[in-house]
C-alpha atoms as a PDB file:
ATOM      1  CA  MET A   1     -13.802   6.351   6.473  1.00  0.00           C
ATOM      2  CA  SER A   2     -12.200   3.049   6.007  1.00  0.00           C
ATOM      3  CA  THR A   3      -9.199   4.350   4.224  1.00  0.00           C
ATOM      4  CA  ASP A   4      -6.334   2.050   5.073  1.00  0.00           C
ATOM      5  CA  SER A   5      -3.906   4.552   3.724  1.00  0.00           C
ATOM      6  CA  ASN A   6      -2.225   6.922   6.101  1.00  0.00           C
ATOM      7  CA  ALA A   7      -3.772  10.171   5.018  1.00  0.00           C
ATOM      8  CA  ASP A   8      -1.224  11.967   7.130  1.00  0.00           C
ATOM      9  CA  THR A   9       1.498  10.964   4.683  1.00  0.00           C
ATOM     10  CA  ASP A  10       0.129  13.486   2.237  1.00  0.00           C
ATOM     11  CA  ALA A  11       0.779  16.621   4.241  1.00  0.00           C
ATOM     12  CA  ASP A  12       3.291  19.181   3.076  1.00  0.00           C
ATOM     13  CA  ASP A  13       5.955  18.606   5.685  1.00  0.00           C
ATOM     14  CA  GLU A  14       7.398  15.554   7.361  1.00  0.00           C
ATOM     15  CA  SER A  15       7.571  15.828  11.114  1.00  0.00           C
ATOM     16  CA  THR A  16      10.900  15.349  12.812  1.00  0.00           C
ATOM     17  CA  SER A  17      11.365  12.185  14.768  1.00  0.00           C
ATOM     18  CA  ASN A  18      12.050  12.786  18.425  1.00  0.00           C
ATOM     19  CA  CYS A  19      11.759   9.155  19.392  1.00  0.00           C
ATOM     20  CA  GLY A  20      14.707   7.346  20.835  1.00  0.00           C
ATOM     21  CA  SER A  21      17.705   9.270  19.536  1.00  0.00           C
ATOM     22  CA  SER A  22      20.172   9.540  22.372  1.00  0.00           C
ATOM     23  CA  ALA A  23      21.381  13.058  23.083  1.00  0.00           C
ATOM     24  CA  ASN A  24      22.002  15.356  26.022  1.00  0.00           C
ATOM     25  CA  ARG A  25      19.990  18.513  25.618  1.00  0.00           C
ATOM     26  CA  GLY A  26      20.528  21.940  27.060  1.00  0.00           C
ATOM     27  CA  SER A  27      17.145  23.005  25.750  1.00  0.00           C
ATOM     28  CA  SER A  28      14.129  23.515  27.955  1.00  0.00           C
ATOM     29  CA  SER A  29      11.777  22.071  25.362  1.00  0.00           C
ATOM     30  CA  ALA A  30       9.887  18.938  26.323  1.00  0.00           C
ATOM     31  CA  ALA A  31      10.780  15.666  24.686  1.00  0.00           C
ATOM     32  CA  ASN A  32       8.333  14.675  21.987  1.00  0.00           C
ATOM     33  CA  CYS A  33       8.836  10.936  22.064  1.00  0.00           C
ATOM     34  CA  GLY A  34       6.610   9.771  24.866  1.00  0.00           C
ATOM     35  CA  GLY A  35       3.402  10.486  26.708  1.00  0.00           C
ATOM     36  CA  ALA A  36       2.446  14.118  26.818  1.00  0.00           C
ATOM     37  CA  SER A  37       3.306  15.927  30.005  1.00  0.00           C
ATOM     38  CA  ASP A  38       0.519  17.103  32.255  1.00  0.00           C
ATOM     39  CA  PRO A  39      -0.701  20.430  30.860  1.00  0.00           C
ATOM     40  CA  ASN A  40      -1.499  21.540  34.410  1.00  0.00           C
ATOM     41  CA  ASP A  41       2.101  21.128  35.483  1.00  0.00           C
ATOM     42  CA  ASP A  42       3.652  24.594  35.234  1.00  0.00           C
ATOM     43  CA  ALA A  43       7.155  23.213  35.490  1.00  0.00           C
ATOM     44  CA  ASN A  44       6.395  20.826  32.625  1.00  0.00           C
ATOM     45  CA  GLU A  45       8.361  18.128  34.363  1.00  0.00           C
ATOM     46  CA  SER A  46       7.406  14.762  32.876  1.00  0.00           C
ATOM     47  CA  SER A  47       9.365  11.747  34.005  1.00  0.00           C
ATOM     48  CA  SER A  48      10.062   8.776  31.796  1.00  0.00           C
ATOM     49  CA  LYS A  49       6.901   6.770  31.225  1.00  0.00           C
ATOM     50  CA  CYS A  50       8.562   3.804  29.598  1.00  0.00           C
ATOM     51  CA  GLY A  51      10.923   2.564  32.257  1.00  0.00           C
ATOM     52  CA  ALA A  52      14.273   3.354  30.692  1.00  0.00           C
ATOM     53  CA  SER A  53      16.446   6.141  31.956  1.00  0.00           C
ATOM     54  CA  SER A  54      17.166   9.259  29.963  1.00  0.00           C
ATOM     55  CA  SER A  55      19.781  11.926  30.221  1.00  0.00           C
ATOM     56  CA  SER A  56      18.827  15.563  29.923  1.00  0.00           C
ATOM     57  CA  SER A  57      19.738  18.826  31.557  1.00  0.00           C
ATOM     58  CA  SER A  58      16.264  20.200  30.889  1.00  0.00           C
ATOM     59  CA  PRO A  59      13.410  19.919  33.412  1.00  0.00           C
ATOM     60  CA  SER A  60      11.551  17.543  31.093  1.00  0.00           C
ATOM     61  CA  SER A  61      13.028  14.125  30.507  1.00  0.00           C
ATOM     62  CA  SER A  62      12.302  11.759  27.679  1.00  0.00           C
ATOM     63  CA  THR A  63       9.145   9.710  27.943  1.00  0.00           C
ATOM     64  CA  CYS A  64       9.902   6.939  25.488  1.00  0.00           C
ATOM     65  CA  GLY A  65      12.783   5.202  27.131  1.00  0.00           C
ATOM     66  CA  ALA A  66      15.750   7.024  25.617  1.00  0.00           C
ATOM     67  CA  SER A  67      16.613  10.674  25.624  1.00  0.00           C
ATOM     68  CA  SER A  68      15.683  12.583  22.522  1.00  0.00           C
ATOM     69  CA  ALA A  69      16.972  15.455  20.468  1.00  0.00           C
ATOM     70  CA  SER A  70      14.954  18.621  20.092  1.00  0.00           C
ATOM     71  CA  LYS A  71      13.450  19.368  16.700  1.00  0.00           C
ATOM     72  CA  SER A  72      16.100  21.957  15.959  1.00  0.00           C
ATOM     73  CA  GLU A  73      18.776  19.258  16.036  1.00  0.00           C
ATOM     74  CA  SER A  74      17.329  17.148  13.242  1.00  0.00           C
ATOM     75  CA  VAL A  75      15.489  17.777  10.008  1.00  0.00           C
ATOM     76  CA  ASP A  76      14.822  14.213   8.888  1.00  0.00           C
ATOM     77  CA  GLU A  77      12.945  11.338  10.440  1.00  0.00           C
ATOM     78  CA  LYS A  78      15.682   8.917  11.469  1.00  0.00           C
ATOM     79  CA  VAL A  79      15.646   5.938  13.748  1.00  0.00           C
ATOM     80  CA  GLY A  80      17.163   6.811  17.111  1.00  0.00           C
ATOM     81  CA  ALA A  81      17.743   4.378  19.963  1.00  0.00           C
ATOM     82  CA  THR A  82      18.698   0.812  19.137  1.00  0.00           C
ATOM     83  CA  ALA A  83      17.229  -2.225  20.831  1.00  0.00           C
ATOM     84  CA  ASP A  84      20.248  -2.814  23.046  1.00  0.00           C
ATOM     85  CA  GLU A  85      19.835   0.636  24.642  1.00  0.00           C
ATOM     86  CA  PHE A  86      16.708  -0.544  26.455  1.00  0.00           C
ATOM     87  CA  GLU A  87      17.178  -2.397  29.721  1.00  0.00           C
ATOM     88  CA  ALA A  88      13.644  -3.682  30.258  1.00  0.00           C
ATOM     89  CA  ASP A  89      12.178  -6.929  28.987  1.00  0.00           C
ATOM     90  CA  PRO A  90      10.246  -5.939  25.829  1.00  0.00           C
ATOM     91  CA  GLY A  91       6.480  -5.894  25.859  1.00  0.00           C
ATOM     92  CA  GLN A  92       4.124  -6.850  23.058  1.00  0.00           C
ATOM     93  CA  LEU A  93       3.561  -4.761  19.920  1.00  0.00           C
ATOM     94  CA  ILE A  94       0.277  -5.180  18.054  1.00  0.00           C
ATOM     95  CA  ALA A  95      -0.745  -3.411  14.844  1.00  0.00           C
ATOM     96  CA  VAL A  96      -4.529  -3.103  15.032  1.00  0.00           C
ATOM     97  CA  GLY A  97      -6.875  -2.355  12.140  1.00  0.00           C
ATOM     98  CA  LEU A  98      -9.918  -0.339  13.199  1.00  0.00           C
ATOM     99  CA  GLY A  99     -11.932  -1.161  10.099  1.00  0.00           C
ATOM    100  CA  PRO A 100     -14.326   1.289   8.443  1.00  0.00           C
ATOM    101  CA  GLY A 101     -14.394   3.931  11.161  1.00  0.00           C
ATOM    102  CA  HIS A 102     -17.306   3.091  13.440  1.00  0.00           C
ATOM    103  CA  PRO A 103     -17.370   0.831  16.528  1.00  0.00           C
ATOM    104  CA  GLU A 104     -19.693  -1.690  14.894  1.00  0.00           C
ATOM    105  CA  GLY A 105     -17.146  -2.200  12.129  1.00  0.00           C
ATOM    106  CA  MET A 106     -14.345  -3.167  14.503  1.00  0.00           C
ATOM    107  CA  THR A 107     -13.711  -6.863  14.960  1.00  0.00           C
ATOM    108  CA  ASP A 108     -14.001  -8.400  18.415  1.00  0.00           C
ATOM    109  CA  ARG A 109     -10.349  -9.340  18.135  1.00  0.00           C
ATOM    110  CA  ALA A 110      -9.405  -5.701  17.546  1.00  0.00           C
ATOM    111  CA  LYS A 111     -11.449  -4.529  20.530  1.00  0.00           C
ATOM    112  CA  THR A 112      -9.887  -7.177  22.773  1.00  0.00           C
ATOM    113  CA  ALA A 113      -6.365  -6.304  21.640  1.00  0.00           C
ATOM    114  CA  LEU A 114      -6.918  -2.620  22.368  1.00  0.00           C
ATOM    115  CA  LEU A 115      -8.446  -3.316  25.775  1.00  0.00           C
ATOM    116  CA  GLU A 116      -5.406  -5.413  26.690  1.00  0.00           C
ATOM    117  CA  ALA A 117      -2.862  -2.845  25.476  1.00  0.00           C
ATOM    118  CA  GLU A 118      -1.273  -0.587  28.066  1.00  0.00           C
ATOM    119  CA  HIS A 119      -0.420   2.109  25.525  1.00  0.00           C
ATOM    120  CA  ILE A 120      -2.289   2.996  22.323  1.00  0.00           C
ATOM    121  CA  VAL A 121      -0.443   4.947  19.618  1.00  0.00           C
ATOM    122  CA  GLY A 122      -1.883   6.396  16.436  1.00  0.00           C
ATOM    123  CA  TYR A 123      -2.733   9.258  14.119  1.00  0.00           C
ATOM    124  CA  THR A 124      -5.079  11.645  15.955  1.00  0.00           C
ATOM    125  CA  THR A 125      -7.990  11.025  13.569  1.00  0.00           C
ATOM    126  CA  TYR A 126      -7.713   7.272  14.114  1.00  0.00           C
ATOM    127  CA  ILE A 127      -7.464   7.553  17.893  1.00  0.00           C
ATOM    128  CA  ASP A 128     -10.703   9.541  17.776  1.00  0.00           C
ATOM    129  CA  LEU A 129     -12.402   6.579  16.076  1.00  0.00           C
ATOM    130  CA  ILE A 130     -11.785   4.266  19.038  1.00  0.00           C
ATOM    131  CA  PRO A 131     -14.715   3.816  21.460  1.00  0.00           C
ATOM    132  CA  ASP A 132     -14.384   5.740  24.721  1.00  0.00           C
ATOM    133  CA  GLU A 133     -14.517   2.618  26.861  1.00  0.00           C
ATOM    134  CA  ILE A 134     -11.327   1.423  25.175  1.00  0.00           C
ATOM    135  CA  THR A 135      -9.363   4.672  25.292  1.00  0.00           C
ATOM    136  CA  GLU A 136     -10.371   5.225  28.907  1.00  0.00           C
ATOM    137  CA  SER A 137      -9.009   1.806  29.870  1.00  0.00           C
ATOM    138  CA  ALA A 138      -5.538   2.476  28.410  1.00  0.00           C
ATOM    139  CA  ASP A 139      -2.720   3.633  30.670  1.00  0.00           C
ATOM    140  CA  GLU A 140      -1.602   6.070  28.001  1.00  0.00           C
ATOM    141  CA  LEU A 141      -2.671   7.394  24.615  1.00  0.00           C
ATOM    142  CA  TYR A 142      -0.142   8.895  22.222  1.00  0.00           C
ATOM    143  CA  ASP A 143      -1.332  10.553  19.022  1.00  0.00           C
ATOM    144  CA  THR A 144       0.207  12.771  16.390  1.00  0.00           C
ATOM    145  CA  PRO A 145      -1.425  14.980  13.761  1.00  0.00           C
ATOM    146  CA  MET A 146      -0.642  14.836  10.054  1.00  0.00           C
ATOM    147  CA  CYS A 147       2.806  13.595   9.117  1.00  0.00           C
ATOM    148  CA  GLY A 148       5.093  11.817  11.505  1.00  0.00           C
ATOM    149  CA  GLU A 149       4.174   8.255  10.562  1.00  0.00           C
ATOM    150  CA  VAL A 150       7.798   7.203  11.044  1.00  0.00           C
ATOM    151  CA  SER A 151       8.206   8.928  14.395  1.00  0.00           C
ATOM    152  CA  ARG A 152       4.795   7.684  15.511  1.00  0.00           C
ATOM    153  CA  THR A 153       5.658   4.089  14.633  1.00  0.00           C
ATOM    154  CA  GLU A 154       9.044   4.373  16.300  1.00  0.00           C
ATOM    155  CA  GLU A 155       7.304   5.791  19.365  1.00  0.00           C
ATOM    156  CA  ALA A 156       5.222   2.641  19.584  1.00  0.00           C
ATOM    157  CA  ILE A 157       8.315   0.457  19.168  1.00  0.00           C
ATOM    158  CA  ASP A 158      10.336   2.357  21.766  1.00  0.00           C
ATOM    159  CA  ARG A 159       7.532   2.060  24.282  1.00  0.00           C
ATOM    160  CA  THR A 160       7.397  -1.667  23.562  1.00  0.00           C
ATOM    161  CA  LEU A 161      11.167  -2.125  23.909  1.00  0.00           C
ATOM    162  CA  ALA A 162      10.925  -0.282  27.224  1.00  0.00           C
ATOM    163  CA  GLY A 163       8.603  -2.977  28.570  1.00  0.00           C
ATOM    164  CA  ASN A 164       5.065  -1.874  27.708  1.00  0.00           C
ATOM    165  CA  ASP A 165       2.335  -3.705  25.790  1.00  0.00           C
ATOM    166  CA  VAL A 166       1.566  -1.352  22.926  1.00  0.00           C
ATOM    167  CA  ALA A 167      -1.040  -1.172  20.183  1.00  0.00           C
ATOM    168  CA  ILE A 168      -0.435   0.979  17.111  1.00  0.00           C
ATOM    169  CA  VAL A 169      -3.693   1.658  15.306  1.00  0.00           C
ATOM    170  CA  GLY A 170      -4.874   2.618  11.858  1.00  0.00           C
ATOM    171  CA  SER A 171      -8.142   2.598   9.971  1.00  0.00           C
ATOM    172  CA  GLY A 172      -8.951  -0.250   7.638  1.00  0.00           C
ATOM    173  CA  ASP A 173      -6.348  -3.016   7.751  1.00  0.00           C
ATOM    174  CA  PRO A 174      -2.724  -2.693   8.982  1.00  0.00           C
ATOM    175  CA  ASN A 175      -1.438  -4.434   5.863  1.00  0.00           C
ATOM    176  CA  VAL A 176      -3.196  -2.196   3.321  1.00  0.00           C
ATOM    177  CA  TYR A 177      -1.288   1.063   2.776  1.00  0.00           C
ATOM    178  CA  ALA A 178      -0.661   1.149   6.504  1.00  0.00           C
ATOM    179  CA  LEU A 179       2.021   0.787   9.160  1.00  0.00           C
ATOM    180  CA  ALA A 180       2.454  -2.948   9.777  1.00  0.00           C
ATOM    181  CA  GLY A 181       5.313  -3.128   7.294  1.00  0.00           C
ATOM    182  CA  LEU A 182       6.918   0.063   8.574  1.00  0.00           C
ATOM    183  CA  ALA A 183       6.867  -1.322  12.112  1.00  0.00           C
ATOM    184  CA  LEU A 184       8.784  -4.412  11.002  1.00  0.00           C
ATOM    185  CA  GLU A 185      11.258  -2.294   9.027  1.00  0.00           C
ATOM    186  CA  ILE A 186      11.975  -0.058  12.028  1.00  0.00           C
ATOM    187  CA  LEU A 187      12.283  -3.052  14.347  1.00  0.00           C
ATOM    188  CA  GLU A 188      14.894  -4.476  11.995  1.00  0.00           C
ATOM    189  CA  SER A 189      16.754  -1.158  11.756  1.00  0.00           C
ATOM    190  CA  LYS A 190      16.933  -1.021  15.550  1.00  0.00           C
ATOM    191  CA  GLY A 191      18.540  -4.444  15.732  1.00  0.00           C
ATOM    192  CA  ALA A 192      15.395  -5.940  17.239  1.00  0.00           C
ATOM    193  CA  THR A 193      13.265  -8.795  15.940  1.00  0.00           C
ATOM    194  CA  ALA A 194       9.536  -9.322  15.572  1.00  0.00           C
ATOM    195  CA  SER A 195       9.674 -12.228  17.997  1.00  0.00           C
ATOM    196  CA  MET A 196      11.527 -10.097  20.546  1.00  0.00           C
ATOM    197  CA  VAL A 197       8.472  -7.862  20.909  1.00  0.00           C
ATOM    198  CA  ASP A 198       5.919 -10.573  20.108  1.00  0.00           C
ATOM    199  CA  PHE A 199       4.758  -8.578  17.091  1.00  0.00           C
ATOM    200  CA  GLU A 200       1.239  -9.365  15.893  1.00  0.00           C
ATOM    201  CA  VAL A 201      -1.141  -7.951  13.304  1.00  0.00           C
ATOM    202  CA  VAL A 202      -4.864  -7.770  14.048  1.00  0.00           C
ATOM    203  CA  PRO A 203      -6.649  -7.357  10.703  1.00  0.00           C
ATOM    204  CA  GLY A 204      -9.492  -4.977  10.047  1.00  0.00           C
ATOM    205  CA  VAL A 205     -11.975  -4.521   7.215  1.00  0.00           C
ATOM    206  CA  PRO A 206     -10.067  -2.775   4.382  1.00  0.00           C
ATOM    207  CA  ALA A 207     -11.447   0.299   2.652  1.00  0.00           C
ATOM    208  CA  ALA A 208     -12.087  -1.474  -0.629  1.00  0.00           C
ATOM    209  CA  GLN A 209     -14.257  -4.073   1.084  1.00  0.00           C
ATOM    210  CA  SER A 210     -16.204  -1.678   3.292  1.00  0.00           C
ATOM    211  CA  CYS A 211     -16.807   0.663   0.356  1.00  0.00           C
ATOM    212  CA  GLY A 212     -17.629  -2.205  -1.981  1.00  0.00           C
ATOM    213  CA  ALA A 213     -20.307  -3.307   0.480  1.00  0.00           C
ATOM    214  CA  ARG A 214     -21.920   0.123   0.283  1.00  0.00           C
ATOM    215  CA  LEU A 215     -22.003  -0.071  -3.521  1.00  0.00           C
ATOM    216  CA  GLY A 216     -23.470  -3.556  -3.936  1.00  0.00           C
ATOM    217  CA  ALA A 217     -21.231  -6.362  -5.191  1.00  0.00           C
ATOM    218  CA  PRO A 218     -18.483  -4.821  -7.337  1.00  0.00           C
ATOM    219  CA  LEU A 219     -15.502  -6.815  -6.019  1.00  0.00           C
ATOM    220  CA  VAL A 220     -16.540 -10.457  -6.356  1.00  0.00           C
ATOM    221  CA  ASN A 221     -14.043 -11.143  -9.136  1.00  0.00           C
ATOM    222  CA  ASP A 222     -10.331 -10.349  -9.512  1.00  0.00           C
ATOM    223  CA  THR A 223      -9.517  -6.913  -8.119  1.00  0.00           C
ATOM    224  CA  VAL A 224      -6.409  -4.765  -7.734  1.00  0.00           C
ATOM    225  CA  SER A 225      -5.793  -1.794  -5.443  1.00  0.00           C
ATOM    226  CA  ILE A 226      -3.794   1.246  -6.527  1.00  0.00           C
ATOM    227  CA  SER A 227      -3.009   4.349  -4.488  1.00  0.00           C
ATOM    228  CA  LEU A 228      -2.640   7.673  -6.280  1.00  0.00           C
ATOM    229  CA  SER A 229      -0.446   9.094  -3.523  1.00  0.00           C
ATOM    230  CA  ASP A 230       3.039   9.758  -4.885  1.00  0.00           C
ATOM    231  CA  HIS A 231       4.389  10.617  -1.458  1.00  0.00           C
ATOM    232  CA  LEU A 232       6.192   7.262  -1.314  1.00  0.00           C
ATOM    233  CA  VAL A 233       5.785   5.892  -4.866  1.00  0.00           C
ATOM    234  CA  PRO A 234       6.851   7.998  -7.886  1.00  0.00           C
ATOM    235  CA  MET A 235       4.012   8.946 -10.201  1.00  0.00           C
ATOM    236  CA  PRO A 236       5.567   7.211 -13.257  1.00  0.00           C
ATOM    237  CA  GLU A 237       5.354   3.917 -11.361  1.00  0.00           C
ATOM    238  CA  ILE A 238       1.748   4.607 -10.415  1.00  0.00           C
ATOM    239  CA  GLU A 239       0.925   5.373 -14.050  1.00  0.00           C
ATOM    240  CA  SER A 240       2.549   2.110 -15.158  1.00  0.00           C
ATOM    241  CA  ARG A 241       0.467   0.168 -12.650  1.00  0.00           C
ATOM    242  CA  LEU A 242      -2.704   1.913 -13.779  1.00  0.00           C
ATOM    243  CA  HIS A 243      -2.007   0.971 -17.399  1.00  0.00           C
ATOM    244  CA  ALA A 244      -1.295  -2.649 -16.433  1.00  0.00           C
ATOM    245  CA  ALA A 245      -4.458  -3.001 -14.363  1.00  0.00           C
ATOM    246  CA  ALA A 246      -6.766  -1.056 -16.679  1.00  0.00           C
ATOM    247  CA  LYS A 247      -5.937  -3.091 -19.774  1.00  0.00           C
ATOM    248  CA  GLU A 248      -6.744  -6.353 -17.972  1.00  0.00           C
ATOM    249  CA  SER A 249     -10.127  -7.486 -16.708  1.00  0.00           C
ATOM    250  CA  PHE A 250      -9.677  -6.302 -13.129  1.00  0.00           C
ATOM    251  CA  THR A 251     -11.987  -4.205 -11.067  1.00  0.00           C
ATOM    252  CA  ILE A 252      -9.808  -1.456  -9.599  1.00  0.00           C
ATOM    253  CA  ALA A 253      -9.982   0.051  -6.130  1.00  0.00           C
ATOM    254  CA  ILE A 254      -8.370   3.493  -6.134  1.00  0.00           C
ATOM    255  CA  TYR A 255      -7.097   4.773  -2.807  1.00  0.00           C
ATOM    256  CA  ASN A 256      -5.993   8.336  -1.965  1.00  0.00           C
ATOM    257  CA  PRO A 257      -7.509   9.762  -5.137  1.00  0.00           C
ATOM    258  CA  TRP A 258      -7.302  13.471  -4.480  1.00  0.00           C
ATOM    259  CA  SER A 259      -5.596  16.111  -2.389  1.00  0.00           C
ATOM    260  CA  ARG A 260      -4.676  19.736  -2.899  1.00  0.00           C
ATOM    261  CA  LYS A 261      -1.224  18.529  -4.014  1.00  0.00           C
ATOM    262  CA  ARG A 262      -2.452  15.734  -6.266  1.00  0.00           C
ATOM    263  CA  ARG A 263      -4.972  17.177  -8.715  1.00  0.00           C
ATOM    264  CA  ASP A 264      -2.762  16.181 -11.661  1.00  0.00           C
ATOM    265  CA  ASN A 265      -2.473  12.602 -10.403  1.00  0.00           C
ATOM    266  CA  PHE A 266      -6.240  12.176 -10.387  1.00  0.00           C
ATOM    267  CA  GLU A 267      -6.612  13.696 -13.833  1.00  0.00           C
ATOM    268  CA  LYS A 268      -3.856  11.440 -15.205  1.00  0.00           C
ATOM    269  CA  CYS A 269      -5.525   8.423 -13.634  1.00  0.00           C
ATOM    270  CA  CYS A 270      -8.812   9.218 -15.371  1.00  0.00           C
ATOM    271  CA  GLU A 271      -6.994   9.673 -18.676  1.00  0.00           C
ATOM    272  CA  ILE A 272      -5.306   6.272 -18.379  1.00  0.00           C
ATOM    273  CA  LEU A 273      -8.498   4.485 -17.400  1.00  0.00           C
ATOM    274  CA  LEU A 274     -10.347   5.963 -20.377  1.00  0.00           C
ATOM    275  CA  ALA A 275      -7.559   4.842 -22.677  1.00  0.00           C
ATOM    276  CA  HIS A 276      -8.356   1.228 -21.833  1.00  0.00           C
ATOM    277  CA  ARG A 277     -12.024   1.149 -20.786  1.00  0.00           C
ATOM    278  CA  ASP A 278     -15.334   2.268 -22.226  1.00  0.00           C
ATOM    279  CA  PRO A 279     -16.602   5.682 -21.116  1.00  0.00           C
ATOM    280  CA  ASP A 280     -19.779   4.088 -19.729  1.00  0.00           C
ATOM    281  CA  THR A 281     -17.858   1.737 -17.398  1.00  0.00           C
ATOM    282  CA  PRO A 282     -19.586   1.852 -13.992  1.00  0.00           C
ATOM    283  CA  VAL A 283     -17.701   3.628 -11.218  1.00  0.00           C
ATOM    284  CA  GLY A 284     -18.620   3.670  -7.542  1.00  0.00           C
ATOM    285  CA  ILE A 285     -17.455   6.446  -5.221  1.00  0.00           C
ATOM    286  CA  VAL A 286     -17.672   6.208  -1.442  1.00  0.00           C
ATOM    287  CA  HIS A 287     -16.661   9.127   0.743  1.00  0.00           C
ATOM    288  CA  GLY A 288     -16.326   8.698   4.516  1.00  0.00           C
ATOM    289  CA  ALA A 289     -17.669   5.142   4.644  1.00  0.00           C
ATOM    290  CA  GLY A 290     -19.157   4.408   8.032  1.00  0.00           C
ATOM    291  CA  ARG A 291     -18.811   7.971   9.259  1.00  0.00           C
ATOM    292  CA  GLU A 292     -21.261  10.810   9.722  1.00  0.00           C
ATOM    293  CA  ASP A 293     -20.309  12.474   6.430  1.00  0.00           C
ATOM    294  CA  GLU A 294     -20.640   9.314   4.325  1.00  0.00           C
ATOM    295  CA  ARG A 295     -21.639   9.854   0.711  1.00  0.00           C
ATOM    296  CA  VAL A 296     -22.154   7.212  -1.983  1.00  0.00           C
ATOM    297  CA  LEU A 297     -22.348   7.884  -5.701  1.00  0.00           C
ATOM    298  CA  LEU A 298     -22.678   5.652  -8.748  1.00  0.00           C
ATOM    299  CA  THR A 299     -21.445   7.206 -11.971  1.00  0.00           C
ATOM    300  CA  GLU A 300     -19.658   6.390 -15.227  1.00  0.00           C
ATOM    301  CA  LEU A 301     -15.980   6.574 -16.048  1.00  0.00           C
ATOM    302  CA  SER A 302     -16.521   9.476 -18.462  1.00  0.00           C
ATOM    303  CA  GLU A 303     -17.857  11.568 -15.562  1.00  0.00           C
ATOM    304  CA  LEU A 304     -15.135  10.727 -13.065  1.00  0.00           C
ATOM    305  CA  GLU A 305     -12.602  13.468 -13.802  1.00  0.00           C
ATOM    306  CA  ALA A 306     -15.170  16.225 -13.343  1.00  0.00           C
ATOM    307  CA  LEU A 307     -15.940  14.877  -9.867  1.00  0.00           C
ATOM    308  CA  GLY A 308     -12.393  15.692  -8.808  1.00  0.00           C
ATOM    309  CA  GLU A 309     -13.685  19.192  -8.130  1.00  0.00           C
ATOM    310  CA  ASP A 310     -16.498  17.840  -5.934  1.00  0.00           C
ATOM    311  CA  GLU A 311     -16.136  17.380  -2.189  1.00  0.00           C
ATOM    312  CA  ILE A 312     -17.056  13.733  -2.539  1.00  0.00           C
ATOM    313  CA  VAL A 313     -13.545  12.949  -3.817  1.00  0.00           C
ATOM    314  CA  ASP A 314     -10.784  13.477  -1.276  1.00  0.00           C
ATOM    315  CA  MET A 315      -8.386  11.542   0.944  1.00  0.00           C
ATOM    316  CA  THR A 316     -11.274   9.808   2.736  1.00  0.00           C
ATOM    317  CA  THR A 317     -12.684   8.502  -0.550  1.00  0.00           C
ATOM    318  CA  THR A 318     -12.256   5.134  -2.224  1.00  0.00           C
ATOM    319  CA  ILE A 319     -13.195   4.728  -5.879  1.00  0.00           C
ATOM    320  CA  ILE A 320     -14.215   1.387  -7.394  1.00  0.00           C
ATOM    321  CA  VAL A 321     -13.838   1.151 -11.171  1.00  0.00           C
ATOM    322  CA  GLY A 322     -15.711  -1.734 -12.778  1.00  0.00           C
ATOM    323  CA  ASN A 323     -14.407  -4.085 -15.446  1.00  0.00           C
ATOM    324  CA  GLU A 324     -15.988  -4.712 -18.835  1.00  0.00           C
ATOM    325  CA  GLU A 325     -18.656  -6.957 -17.297  1.00  0.00           C
ATOM    326  CA  THR A 326     -19.620  -4.732 -14.383  1.00  0.00           C
ATOM    327  CA  TYR A 327     -23.102  -3.242 -14.560  1.00  0.00           C
ATOM    328  CA  VAL A 328     -25.540  -1.303 -12.404  1.00  0.00           C
ATOM    329  CA  TRP A 329     -28.833  -2.903 -11.413  1.00  0.00           C
ATOM    330  CA  ASP A 330     -31.360  -1.392  -9.012  1.00  0.00           C
ATOM    331  CA  ASP A 331     -28.781   1.149  -7.816  1.00  0.00           C
ATOM    332  CA  ARG A 332     -26.306  -1.640  -7.073  1.00  0.00           C
ATOM    333  CA  MET A 333     -22.942  -2.071  -8.752  1.00  0.00           C
ATOM    334  CA  VAL A 334     -22.539  -5.709  -9.816  1.00  0.00           C
ATOM    335  CA  THR A 335     -19.470  -7.518 -11.152  1.00  0.00           C
ATOM    336  CA  PRO A 336     -20.378 -11.068 -12.250  1.00  0.00           C
ATOM    337  CA  ARG A 337     -18.280 -13.861 -10.762  1.00  0.00           C
ATOM    338  CA  GLY A 338     -18.931 -16.134 -13.732  1.00  0.00           C
ATOM    339  CA  TYR A 339     -21.695 -18.363 -12.419  1.00  0.00           C
ATOM    340  CA  GLU A 340     -23.891 -17.467 -15.355  1.00  0.00           C
ATOM    341  CA  THR A 341     -21.516 -19.362 -17.678  1.00  0.00           C
ATOM    342  CA  LYS A 342     -21.794 -22.562 -15.641  1.00  0.00           C
ATOM    343  CA  TYR A 343     -25.323 -22.650 -14.260  1.00  0.00           C
ATOM    344  CA  ASP A 344     -28.882 -21.891 -15.284  1.00  0.00           C
ATOM    345  CA  TYR A 345     -30.677 -19.488 -12.981  1.00  0.00           C
END
């Protein structure tokens, strides 16, 4: 679906960063900061794929341009190698938004950027959304499962600092609950600059817009987006934002509404919305927009909490809550822009 959020941030455990931290290792474990070693290679000897040398006494050397510590040596995701540890001329780093999750929803600019990238880095689910002709043209693909957004982003940066042109991908848009900001933060923490790696953002269609299109025209007036994930933002802050948005005449796009760890967050959200809006306020729910399991449902605010137990509401769902003027007509959710107050039609 076009969820711009990183759904992997909601898993139980954070993965340990093995990207770029300089350390000599006596372990025989393979470094986890570069391209995967050939599974057919019994010796598991993978040389550096980024062009910078690494130091290790194990058969497998680092593949991201600086030697890395094994997982047992670190429990937190921390930035490893600094920019001045890389000897190559940096490549280009592009954050690419894949849009709603199907090839037709990708912009031509996004497709071109991915075809030109030497390495493509991303969450496994997002890599799987990329058309085969693009992934097959890349020199290397690097994906991680749930968690590891920091190590994954640093992986992309390290590969770039080591001289490769790299694309880091996400669904939706890179600037909506995604990794464009994190990439800039990590670049800064490494002593690098955005201009050093020719950092660029290629926008994609955000979840709110792709889901709004499936519902009709719910977002044509002022809208705010709020994520219910408290992985990075404390729930009291989320509640405060919900109160502020709900008491004003905004339509509200709710991201990351439900997970096995966040049942209470969803229930609290529904409680807050009902404190400020009529029970019959139209609500649109889109699960898996643009994907094979897409489901679309129009309902009312009073019914929303009960749907938290339905499969339609999960991390691949975006919920659009109407304002006091939003209505449903012919199975379409409509929020007036205000033309009716100015023109006769």
